[in-house]
C-alpha atoms as a PDB file:
ATOM      1  CA  UNK A   1      54.836 184.782 -39.265  1.00  0.00           C
ATOM      2  CA  UNK A   2      55.610 181.516 -40.936  1.00  0.00           C
ATOM      3  CA  UNK A   3      56.814 183.025 -44.179  1.00  0.00           C
ATOM      4  CA  UNK A   4      59.645 185.345 -45.102  1.00  0.00           C
ATOM      5  CA  UNK A   5      57.353 187.217 -47.519  1.00  0.00           C
ATOM      6  CA  UNK A   6      54.079 188.401 -45.896  1.00  0.00           C
ATOM      7  CA  UNK A   7      52.711 189.351 -49.318  1.00  0.00           C
ATOM      8  CA  UNK A   8      52.594 185.631 -50.123  1.00  0.00           C
ATOM      9  CA  UNK A   9      50.007 184.991 -47.380  1.00  0.00           C
ATOM     10  CA  UNK A  10      46.511 184.439 -48.763  1.00  0.00           C
ATOM     11  CA  UNK A  11      44.173 186.522 -46.583  1.00  0.00           C
ATOM     12  CA  UNK A  12      40.424 185.808 -46.690  1.00  0.00           C
ATOM     13  CA  UNK A  13      37.391 187.844 -45.599  1.00  0.00           C
ATOM     14  CA  UNK A  14      34.068 186.237 -44.746  1.00  0.00           C
ATOM     15  CA  UNK A  15      31.433 186.381 -47.470  1.00  0.00           C
ATOM     16  CA  UNK A  16      29.082 187.654 -44.733  1.00  0.00           C
ATOM     17  CA  UNK A  17      31.173 190.794 -44.244  1.00  0.00           C
ATOM     18  CA  UNK A  18      29.649 192.918 -46.972  1.00  0.00           C
ATOM     19  CA  UNK A  19      31.514 195.775 -48.609  1.00  0.00           C
ATOM     20  CA  UNK A  20      31.944 198.210 -45.736  1.00  0.00           C
ATOM     21  CA  UNK A  21      35.597 197.221 -45.147  1.00  0.00           C
ATOM     22  CA  UNK A  22      35.342 196.765 -41.375  1.00  0.00           C
ATOM     23  CA  UNK A  23      36.099 193.091 -41.143  1.00  0.00           C
ATOM     24  CA  UNK A  24      38.664 190.661 -39.912  1.00  0.00           C
ATOM     25  CA  UNK A  25      40.780 188.657 -42.305  1.00  0.00           C
ATOM     26  CA  UNK A  26      42.111 185.165 -41.713  1.00  0.00           C
ATOM     27  CA  UNK A  27      44.934 183.210 -43.300  1.00  0.00           C
ATOM     28  CA  UNK A  28      46.096 179.620 -42.953  1.00  0.00           C
ATOM     29  CA  UNK A  29      49.860 179.589 -42.471  1.00  0.00           C
ATOM     30  CA  UNK A  30      52.202 176.854 -43.659  1.00  0.00           C
ATOM     31  CA  UNK A  31      53.137 175.937 -40.095  1.00  0.00           C
ATOM     32  CA  UNK A  32      49.491 175.082 -39.301  1.00  0.00           C
ATOM     33  CA  UNK A  33      48.596 178.220 -37.370  1.00  0.00           C
ATOM     34  CA  UNK A  34      45.836 180.641 -38.336  1.00  0.00           C
ATOM     35  CA  UNK A  35      46.562 184.355 -38.597  1.00  0.00           C
ATOM     36  CA  UNK A  36      43.868 186.978 -37.911  1.00  0.00           C
ATOM     37  CA  UNK A  37      44.103 190.698 -38.645  1.00  0.00           C
ATOM     38  CA  UNK A  38      41.915 193.792 -38.920  1.00  0.00           C
ATOM     39  CA  UNK A  39      41.130 194.444 -42.586  1.00  0.00           C
ATOM     40  CA  UNK A  40      41.148 198.207 -42.047  1.00  0.00           C
ATOM     41  CA  UNK A  41      44.719 198.033 -40.656  1.00  0.00           C
ATOM     42  CA  UNK A  42      46.428 195.292 -42.695  1.00  0.00           C
ATOM     43  CA  UNK A  43      49.883 196.431 -41.566  1.00  0.00           C
ATOM     44  CA  UNK A  44      48.859 196.348 -37.905  1.00  0.00           C
ATOM     45  CA  UNK A  45      48.890 193.611 -35.307  1.00  0.00           C
ATOM     46  CA  UNK A  46      48.352 190.012 -36.416  1.00  0.00           C
ATOM     47  CA  UNK A  47      47.050 187.481 -33.905  1.00  0.00           C
ATOM     48  CA  UNK A  48      48.202 183.892 -34.319  1.00  0.00           C
ATOM     49  CA  UNK A  49      46.138 180.895 -33.220  1.00  0.00           C
ATOM     50  CA  UNK A  50      46.857 177.185 -33.129  1.00  0.00           C
ATOM     51  CA  UNK A  51      44.186 175.378 -35.142  1.00  0.00           C
ATOM     52  CA  UNK A  52      42.782 173.698 -32.011  1.00  0.00           C
ATOM     53  CA  UNK A  53      42.519 177.053 -30.218  1.00  0.00           C
ATOM     54  CA  UNK A  54      40.742 178.633 -33.197  1.00  0.00           C
ATOM     55  CA  UNK A  55      38.345 175.699 -33.338  1.00  0.00           C
ATOM     56  CA  UNK A  56      37.500 176.041 -29.630  1.00  0.00           C
ATOM     57  CA  UNK A  57      37.014 179.804 -29.990  1.00  0.00           C
ATOM     58  CA  UNK A  58      34.671 179.438 -32.980  1.00  0.00           C
ATOM     59  CA  UNK A  59      32.668 176.714 -31.223  1.00  0.00           C
ATOM     60  CA  UNK A  60      32.333 178.942 -28.139  1.00  0.00           C
ATOM     61  CA  UNK A  61      31.101 181.812 -30.324  1.00  0.00           C
ATOM     62  CA  UNK A  62      28.520 179.545 -31.964  1.00  0.00           C
ATOM     63  CA  UNK A  63      27.395 178.338 -28.526  1.00  0.00           C
ATOM     64  CA  UNK A  64      26.836 181.906 -27.328  1.00  0.00           C
ATOM     65  CA  UNK A  65      29.674 181.952 -24.797  1.00  0.00           C
ATOM     66  CA  UNK A  66      30.401 185.625 -25.539  1.00  0.00           C
ATOM     67  CA  UNK A  67      26.864 186.910 -26.059  1.00  0.00           C
ATOM     68  CA  UNK A  68      27.059 188.863 -22.795  1.00  0.00           C
ATOM     69  CA  UNK A  69      29.786 191.036 -24.343  1.00  0.00           C
ATOM     70  CA  UNK A  70      27.454 192.520 -26.958  1.00  0.00           C
ATOM     71  CA  UNK A  71      24.242 194.442 -26.496  1.00  0.00           C
END
């Protein structure tokens, strides 16, 4: 990631997540990208998004573009 010390990254969980611990966490990195990880596996894989890509993805979610994937 964009830091030599991953513990210095400020991870956030949505206030809509509740307390069950099965959430995703996001972090804004110094280089402008957004990091996303599974809160139940914080040492696991981290996905990195450019801000524009994250914006498009969130807008698509809001527009229902992925509603067919859930039942």
